Amino acid sequence: MDKKQNLLLFSLGILAFAMVFIAYSNHWHNPFHFDDAHTIETNSYIRHLDSIPAFFKTSQAFSSLPQNQSYRPLVTTSLALDYWLATKVDATNGLNPFFYHITNFFTFLVQCILLFFIFWKIMNIAKPHRWNAFIALFAASLYSVHTSNAETVNYIIARTDIISTFAIVVSFFLYLYSPFCKKTYLYLLPVCIGIFAKESAAIFPILLFVYIFLFESNETFTKANILRSIKKIIPALIACALLIIYVFGKAVNWQPGGVDRFTYLITETFVMVHYFNTFFLPFNLSADTDWRAITNVFDDRVIVGIIFILGMLFIAYKCALRKETKPITFGILWFFFALAPTSTLLPFAEVLNDHRIFFPY
């Protein structure tokens, strides 16, 4: 880009920053909600920094409710630091939401900045163009103020999604921009840490496979490219697999509380339609949707969901055949694989939560 375009990009970047701060200007004192009660308000562990070592020894420190005691020590540590900071300002109120919102918001903000660079890099690989940076800025800005992401940023304990997604984004950034980190596998460090915030970060090797498969070879659907791509993700696969086994092994009391796996899977086909539609028409957002599981495989919603999934995969396949449209394939597959932990692999009590789309989006 020439000097004029650089100046324009910088100016638009400043405007994007201002837009994000304005969009979230009235959220700093929003109160605790839902699961914040048992993970923050009634969680005695976060009230003492001396408890931090215990966070990594047991899942009991995450929640005062046994069935909700996931092993997420990184999140609990961040909550304890927020509580400590709040008491430094007001010794009588360690539960001032303002300090908890600071952590959520600024982690989210840095993630949006890194997304700009990732989008820009991927588009340049697919087809170099002087306007790629502006498109990347638009995409990152859209994500930063997208209505559906507001729940995740506002809902304090949803920092499990923010931190784990942030970790994946940092790992991708290092893989794309740092030959040293790529060569020494240091790019795996953020995502390995992120698994201690939420288990969904362990899906990173699959996303990395998709990236390598699409962008690191001129071939696409060949056996050689598939094997080469699998070989490159083996270190990530081993690291994430070992960590996820360890994390689930620590969560001895945690219960997902969902329906049987088959019922959950057929329900999620239509839930995915809702998530996809919400990206373009975010008018039906709710922190407590109370959707019911679908028990009939021939339900119209299940059929619509299956058709939607097959249609999207067909588009992904067709776009993968041309270099300049491979980013579309990457986006579609990212959406589905990022949903897999909550929409495929484990049946949860709630079949739909809007904060689950933060990572897929």
Protein backbone atom coordinates (compact mmCIF):
# COMPACT_ATOMS: atom_id res chain seq x y z
CA MET A 1 0.00 0.00 0.00
CA ASP A 2 1.14 3.55 -0.66
CA LYS A 3 1.46 6.29 1.94
CA LYS A 4 -2.03 7.63 1.31
CA GLN A 5 -3.64 4.21 1.83
CA ASN A 6 -1.61 3.64 5.00
CA LEU A 7 -2.86 6.94 6.40
CA LEU A 8 -6.44 6.08 5.46
CA LEU A 9 -6.12 2.62 7.05
CA PHE A 10 -4.69 4.12 10.23
CA SER A 11 -7.48 6.70 10.41
CA LEU A 12 -10.15 4.07 9.91
CA GLY A 13 -8.48 1.93 12.58
CA ILE A 14 -8.75 4.80 15.08
CA LEU A 15 -12.43 5.21 14.15
CA ALA A 16 -12.95 1.47 14.67
CA PHE A 17 -11.40 1.74 18.15
CA ALA A 18 -13.69 4.62 19.00
CA MET A 19 -16.69 2.70 17.68
CA VAL A 20 -15.98 -0.29 19.96
CA PHE A 21 -15.56 1.91 23.04
CA ILE A 22 -18.75 3.79 22.24
CA ALA A 23 -20.67 0.55 21.67
CA TYR A 24 -19.64 -0.76 25.09
CA SER A 25 -19.61 2.59 26.90
CA ASN A 26 -22.64 1.73 29.05
CA HIS A 27 -21.66 -1.81 30.05
CA TRP A 28 -18.98 -1.18 32.68
CA HIS A 29 -21.30 -1.44 35.67
CA ASN A 30 -23.66 -4.14 34.44
CA PRO A 31 -24.36 -6.56 37.34
CA PHE A 32 -23.63 -10.26 37.67
CA HIS A 33 -26.06 -12.68 36.02
CA PHE A 34 -26.93 -16.40 35.95
CA ASP A 35 -23.80 -18.55 36.51
CA ASP A 36 -21.93 -15.52 37.88
CA ALA A 37 -23.76 -16.29 41.12
CA HIS A 38 -22.03 -19.60 41.90
CA THR A 39 -18.71 -18.93 40.12
CA ILE A 40 -18.16 -15.43 41.50
CA GLU A 41 -20.64 -14.12 44.06
CA THR A 42 -20.81 -17.21 46.31
CA ASN A 43 -17.38 -18.59 45.40
CA SER A 44 -15.24 -18.10 48.50
CA TYR A 45 -12.09 -19.29 46.69
CA ILE A 46 -11.72 -16.13 44.60
CA ARG A 47 -11.60 -13.93 47.70
CA HIS A 48 -8.01 -14.84 48.52
CA LEU A 49 -5.00 -14.79 46.20
CA ASP A 50 -3.49 -17.47 48.45
CA SER A 51 -6.07 -19.84 46.98
CA ILE A 52 -4.60 -19.64 43.46
CA PRO A 53 -2.49 -22.82 43.82
CA ALA A 54 -5.68 -24.66 44.83
CA PHE A 55 -7.33 -23.60 41.56
CA PHE A 56 -4.89 -25.83 39.68
CA LYS A 57 -5.25 -28.76 42.09
CA THR A 58 -9.00 -29.16 42.13
CA SER A 59 -12.07 -28.21 40.10
CA GLN A 60 -13.98 -27.39 43.30
CA ALA A 61 -12.56 -23.87 43.18
CA PHE A 62 -14.45 -23.00 39.99
CA SER A 63 -17.97 -23.09 41.42
CA SER A 64 -19.88 -23.43 44.67
CA LEU A 65 -22.19 -25.92 42.90
CA PRO A 66 -20.63 -29.40 42.53
CA GLN A 67 -22.34 -30.23 39.22
CA ASN A 68 -20.90 -27.03 37.69
CA GLN A 69 -17.33 -27.58 38.84
CA SER A 70 -15.48 -27.58 35.54
CA TYR A 71 -11.70 -27.51 35.73
CA ARG A 72 -10.96 -23.97 34.52
CA PRO A 73 -8.19 -22.68 36.81
CA LEU A 74 -7.11 -19.90 34.47
CA VAL A 75 -10.57 -18.31 34.65
CA THR A 76 -10.78 -18.66 38.43
CA THR A 77 -7.33 -17.09 38.75
CA SER A 78 -8.45 -14.11 36.67
CA LEU A 79 -11.55 -13.74 38.86
CA ALA A 80 -9.42 -13.79 42.00
CA LEU A 81 -7.20 -11.07 40.57
CA ASP A 82 -10.28 -9.00 39.70
CA TYR A 83 -11.59 -9.45 43.26
CA TRP A 84 -8.22 -8.42 44.71
CA LEU A 85 -8.05 -5.34 42.46
CA ALA A 86 -11.59 -4.34 43.42
CA THR A 87 -10.71 -4.51 47.13
CA LYS A 88 -7.66 -2.31 46.54
CA VAL A 89 -10.01 0.44 45.42
CA ASP A 90 -12.82 -0.33 47.86
CA ALA A 91 -11.99 -2.72 50.69
CA THR A 92 -15.69 -3.32 51.37
CA ASN A 93 -16.63 -4.36 47.84
CA GLY A 94 -14.56 -7.00 46.08
CA LEU A 95 -17.58 -7.76 43.93
CA ASN A 96 -17.66 -4.47 42.04
CA PRO A 97 -18.54 -5.64 38.48
CA PHE A 98 -16.52 -2.80 36.93
CA PHE A 99 -13.19 -4.55 37.52
CA TYR A 100 -14.45 -7.83 36.10
CA HIS A 101 -15.72 -6.06 32.98
CA ILE A 102 -12.28 -4.53 32.44
CA THR A 103 -10.72 -8.00 32.06
CA ASN A 104 -13.44 -9.21 29.70
CA PHE A 105 -13.44 -6.12 27.51
CA PHE A 106 -9.73 -5.61 27.03
CA THR A 107 -9.07 -9.29 26.34
CA PHE A 108 -11.82 -9.07 23.73
CA LEU A 109 -10.35 -5.85 22.29
CA VAL A 110 -6.87 -7.34 21.82
CA GLN A 111 -8.44 -10.37 20.18
CA CYS A 112 -10.20 -8.12 17.65
CA ILE A 113 -6.89 -6.42 16.81
CA LEU A 114 -5.22 -9.79 16.20
CA LEU A 115 -8.16 -10.90 14.06
CA PHE A 116 -7.50 -7.96 11.73
CA PHE A 117 -3.96 -9.18 11.10
CA ILE A 118 -5.10 -12.80 10.65
CA PHE A 119 -7.82 -11.84 8.16
CA TRP A 120 -5.36 -9.65 6.25
CA LYS A 121 -2.75 -12.41 6.05
CA ILE A 122 -5.21 -15.06 4.88
CA MET A 123 -6.67 -12.82 2.19
CA ASN A 124 -3.20 -11.92 0.94
CA ILE A 125 -2.34 -15.61 0.69
CA ALA A 126 -5.52 -16.26 -1.29
CA LYS A 127 -5.25 -13.21 -3.55
CA PRO A 128 -3.00 -10.20 -2.87
CA HIS A 129 -4.86 -6.93 -3.33
CA ARG A 130 -4.36 -3.37 -2.13
CA TRP A 131 -7.81 -3.35 -0.52
CA ASN A 132 -7.34 -6.51 1.53
CA ALA A 133 -6.31 -4.55 4.61
CA PHE A 134 -9.49 -2.48 4.46
CA ILE A 135 -11.65 -5.58 4.07
CA ALA A 136 -9.84 -7.17 7.02
CA LEU A 137 -10.44 -4.02 9.10
CA PHE A 138 -14.13 -4.08 8.20
CA ALA A 139 -14.39 -7.78 9.17
CA ALA A 140 -12.61 -7.30 12.51
CA SER A 141 -14.69 -4.19 13.23
CA LEU A 142 -17.92 -6.02 12.44
CA TYR A 143 -16.94 -8.77 14.86
CA SER A 144 -16.03 -6.22 17.53
CA VAL A 145 -19.45 -4.57 17.55
CA HIS A 146 -21.60 -7.50 16.45
CA THR A 147 -24.70 -7.58 18.63
CA SER A 148 -24.42 -11.31 19.30
CA ASN A 149 -21.00 -10.88 20.92
CA ALA A 150 -22.35 -8.38 23.45
CA GLU A 151 -23.73 -11.15 25.66
CA THR A 152 -20.34 -12.83 25.92
CA VAL A 153 -18.52 -9.59 26.70
CA ASN A 154 -21.17 -8.52 29.24
CA TYR A 155 -21.69 -11.91 30.87
CA ILE A 156 -18.68 -12.04 33.17
CA ILE A 157 -18.24 -15.79 33.55
CA ALA A 158 -18.48 -16.06 29.76
CA ARG A 159 -14.85 -15.01 29.86
CA THR A 160 -14.33 -18.77 29.59
CA ASP A 161 -15.24 -18.24 25.91
CA ILE A 162 -13.31 -14.97 25.65
CA ILE A 163 -10.05 -16.29 27.08
CA SER A 164 -10.12 -19.65 25.26
CA THR A 165 -10.97 -17.97 21.94
CA PHE A 166 -8.31 -15.34 22.56
CA ALA A 167 -5.76 -18.12 23.12
CA ILE A 168 -6.65 -19.77 19.80
CA VAL A 169 -6.41 -16.44 17.98
CA VAL A 170 -2.99 -15.74 19.52
CA SER A 171 -1.76 -19.18 18.47
CA PHE A 172 -2.94 -18.60 14.91
CA PHE A 173 -1.32 -15.16 14.90
CA LEU A 174 2.02 -16.62 16.00
CA TYR A 175 1.76 -19.44 13.46
CA LEU A 176 1.09 -16.98 10.64
CA TYR A 177 3.50 -14.19 11.56
CA SER A 178 6.39 -15.75 13.47
CA PRO A 179 8.60 -18.28 11.63
CA PHE A 180 10.50 -18.79 14.88
CA CYS A 181 7.38 -19.71 16.86
CA LYS A 182 6.22 -21.91 14.01
CA LYS A 183 9.53 -23.74 13.83
CA THR A 184 9.92 -24.19 17.59
CA TYR A 185 6.21 -24.95 18.22
CA LEU A 186 5.96 -21.99 20.59
CA TYR A 187 2.74 -21.07 18.78
CA LEU A 188 1.15 -23.96 20.72
CA LEU A 189 1.80 -22.33 24.10
CA PRO A 190 -1.19 -19.90 24.08
CA VAL A 191 -3.72 -22.54 23.06
CA CYS A 192 -2.35 -25.01 25.61
CA ILE A 193 -2.84 -22.35 28.28
CA GLY A 194 -6.28 -21.55 26.85
CA ILE A 195 -7.49 -25.10 27.48
CA PHE A 196 -7.30 -24.22 31.20
CA ALA A 197 -9.93 -21.54 30.51
CA LYS A 198 -12.33 -23.69 28.48
CA GLU A 199 -12.04 -27.13 26.94
CA SER A 200 -13.19 -25.92 23.50
CA ALA A 201 -9.69 -24.51 22.87
CA ALA A 202 -8.60 -28.11 22.26
CA ILE A 203 -10.30 -27.96 18.84
CA PHE A 204 -7.34 -25.86 17.65
CA PRO A 205 -5.49 -28.74 15.87
CA ILE A 206 -8.51 -29.33 13.63
CA LEU A 207 -8.69 -25.63 12.71
CA LEU A 208 -4.95 -25.64 12.07
CA PHE A 209 -5.36 -28.68 9.82
CA VAL A 210 -7.99 -26.83 7.78
CA TYR A 211 -5.68 -23.83 7.40
CA ILE A 212 -2.66 -25.93 6.36
CA PHE A 213 -4.78 -28.07 4.04
CA LEU A 214 -6.17 -25.03 2.25
CA PHE A 215 -3.33 -22.53 2.22
CA GLU A 216 0.03 -24.27 2.52
CA SER A 217 -0.19 -26.24 -0.70
CA ASN A 218 -1.15 -25.54 -4.30
CA GLU A 219 -2.90 -28.89 -4.27
CA THR A 220 -6.17 -29.35 -2.43
CA PHE A 221 -8.04 -32.64 -2.47
CA THR A 222 -5.06 -34.93 -2.94
CA LYS A 223 -3.84 -37.73 -0.73
CA ALA A 224 -0.40 -36.15 -0.49
CA ASN A 225 -1.84 -32.84 0.77
CA ILE A 226 -4.06 -34.57 3.31
CA LEU A 227 -1.18 -36.64 4.71
CA ARG A 228 1.14 -33.62 4.73
CA SER A 229 -1.43 -31.57 6.61
CA ILE A 230 -2.04 -34.33 9.18
CA LYS A 231 1.69 -34.70 9.75
CA LYS A 232 2.06 -30.98 10.47
CA ILE A 233 -0.63 -30.93 13.15
CA ILE A 234 0.59 -34.02 15.05
CA PRO A 235 2.43 -31.95 17.73
CA ALA A 236 -0.67 -29.79 18.28
CA LEU A 237 -2.89 -32.86 18.32
CA ILE A 238 -0.77 -34.64 20.93
CA ALA A 239 -0.45 -31.58 23.16
CA CYS A 240 -4.16 -30.73 23.08
CA ALA A 241 -5.25 -34.36 23.49
CA LEU A 242 -3.09 -34.88 26.58
CA LEU A 243 -4.27 -31.62 28.12
CA ILE A 244 -7.95 -32.29 27.47
CA ILE A 245 -7.63 -35.73 29.07
CA TYR A 246 -6.01 -34.10 32.09
CA VAL A 247 -8.67 -31.36 32.31
CA PHE A 248 -11.61 -33.77 32.14
CA GLY A 249 -9.88 -36.02 34.63
CA LYS A 250 -9.80 -33.15 37.12
CA ALA A 251 -13.50 -32.27 36.70
CA VAL A 252 -14.71 -35.18 38.81
CA ASN A 253 -18.01 -33.58 39.89
CA TRP A 254 -18.94 -31.80 36.65
CA GLN A 255 -22.08 -32.96 34.84
CA PRO A 256 -23.21 -31.62 31.45
CA GLY A 257 -26.81 -32.47 32.37
CA GLY A 258 -28.05 -32.88 28.83
CA VAL A 259 -30.43 -35.26 27.06
CA ASP A 260 -29.19 -38.41 25.32
CA ARG A 261 -26.56 -37.83 22.65
CA PHE A 262 -28.75 -38.70 19.62
CA THR A 263 -31.55 -36.34 20.69
CA TYR A 264 -29.00 -33.61 21.31
CA LEU A 265 -27.37 -34.08 17.90
CA ILE A 266 -30.59 -33.89 15.91
CA THR A 267 -31.63 -30.80 17.89
CA GLU A 268 -28.31 -29.10 17.19
CA THR A 269 -28.86 -29.33 13.42
CA PHE A 270 -31.54 -26.64 13.70
CA VAL A 271 -29.67 -24.79 16.45
CA MET A 272 -26.88 -24.30 13.90
CA VAL A 273 -29.39 -22.75 11.52
CA HIS A 274 -30.35 -20.32 14.28
CA TYR A 275 -26.69 -19.48 14.96
CA PHE A 276 -26.02 -18.89 11.27
CA ASN A 277 -29.11 -16.73 10.87
CA THR A 278 -28.17 -14.73 13.95
CA PHE A 279 -24.94 -13.62 12.31
CA PHE A 280 -26.92 -11.80 9.62
CA LEU A 281 -30.13 -11.04 11.55
CA PRO A 282 -29.31 -10.79 15.27
CA PHE A 283 -32.85 -9.97 16.33
CA ASN A 284 -33.76 -12.99 18.46
CA LEU A 285 -31.02 -12.87 21.05
CA SER A 286 -31.74 -14.06 24.56
CA ALA A 287 -29.56 -14.90 27.54
CA ASP A 288 -32.07 -17.61 28.48
CA THR A 289 -33.65 -19.05 25.34
CA ASP A 290 -35.15 -22.15 26.97
CA TRP A 291 -35.24 -24.07 23.68
CA ARG A 292 -36.50 -27.64 24.01
CA ALA A 293 -34.77 -30.71 22.62
CA ILE A 294 -36.25 -32.18 19.42
CA THR A 295 -37.04 -35.87 19.87
CA ASN A 296 -38.38 -36.71 16.39
CA VAL A 297 -35.74 -37.18 13.72
CA PHE A 298 -38.36 -36.40 11.05
CA ASP A 299 -39.24 -33.05 12.62
CA ASP A 300 -39.26 -30.29 9.98
CA ARG A 301 -36.58 -28.39 11.91
CA VAL A 302 -34.21 -31.36 11.81
CA ILE A 303 -34.70 -31.74 8.07
CA VAL A 304 -34.07 -28.02 7.55
CA GLY A 305 -30.95 -28.29 9.70
CA ILE A 306 -29.54 -31.25 7.78
CA ILE A 307 -30.19 -29.54 4.45
CA PHE A 308 -28.49 -26.39 5.77
CA ILE A 309 -25.38 -28.29 6.93
CA LEU A 310 -25.05 -30.24 3.67
CA GLY A 311 -25.58 -27.06 1.66
CA MET A 312 -22.88 -25.19 3.57
CA LEU A 313 -20.44 -28.07 3.20
CA PHE A 314 -21.13 -28.13 -0.54
CA ILE A 315 -20.35 -24.40 -0.76
CA ALA A 316 -17.18 -24.99 1.26
CA TYR A 317 -16.12 -27.73 -1.15
CA LYS A 318 -16.74 -25.63 -4.26
CA CYS A 319 -14.91 -22.63 -2.80
CA ALA A 320 -11.93 -24.83 -1.89
CA LEU A 321 -11.36 -25.54 -5.58
CA ARG A 322 -10.27 -21.96 -6.29
CA LYS A 323 -7.42 -20.26 -4.46
CA GLU A 324 -9.13 -16.87 -4.19
CA THR A 325 -12.25 -18.34 -2.57
CA LYS A 326 -10.49 -20.62 -0.09
CA PRO A 327 -10.98 -18.10 2.76
CA ILE A 328 -14.73 -18.74 2.40
CA THR A 329 -14.12 -22.46 2.90
CA PHE A 330 -11.93 -21.70 5.89
CA GLY A 331 -14.66 -19.51 7.41
CA ILE A 332 -17.41 -22.08 6.93
CA LEU A 333 -15.34 -24.93 8.38
CA TRP A 334 -14.18 -22.74 11.27
CA PHE A 335 -17.85 -22.08 12.06
CA PHE A 336 -18.75 -25.77 12.21
CA PHE A 337 -15.62 -27.02 13.97
CA ALA A 338 -15.75 -24.23 16.55
CA LEU A 339 -19.34 -25.24 17.30
CA ALA A 340 -18.40 -28.91 17.65
CA PRO A 341 -17.50 -28.86 21.39
CA THR A 342 -20.94 -27.54 22.37
CA SER A 343 -23.09 -28.75 19.46
CA THR A 344 -21.66 -32.18 18.70
CA LEU A 345 -19.16 -33.65 21.15
CA LEU A 346 -21.01 -33.14 24.45
CA PRO A 347 -24.76 -32.91 25.21
CA PHE A 348 -25.49 -29.96 27.49
CA ALA A 349 -28.57 -29.15 29.55
CA GLU A 350 -29.17 -26.03 27.46
CA VAL A 351 -29.36 -26.92 23.78
CA LEU A 352 -28.72 -23.30 22.80
CA ASN A 353 -26.79 -20.41 24.34
CA ASP A 354 -26.01 -17.26 22.40
CA HIS A 355 -22.60 -16.87 24.04
CA ARG A 356 -21.54 -20.16 22.41
CA ILE A 357 -21.31 -18.43 19.02
CA PHE A 358 -18.54 -16.07 20.13
CA PHE A 359 -15.85 -18.57 19.08
CA PRO A 360 -17.53 -19.74 15.84
CA TYR A 361 -18.16 -16.16 14.69
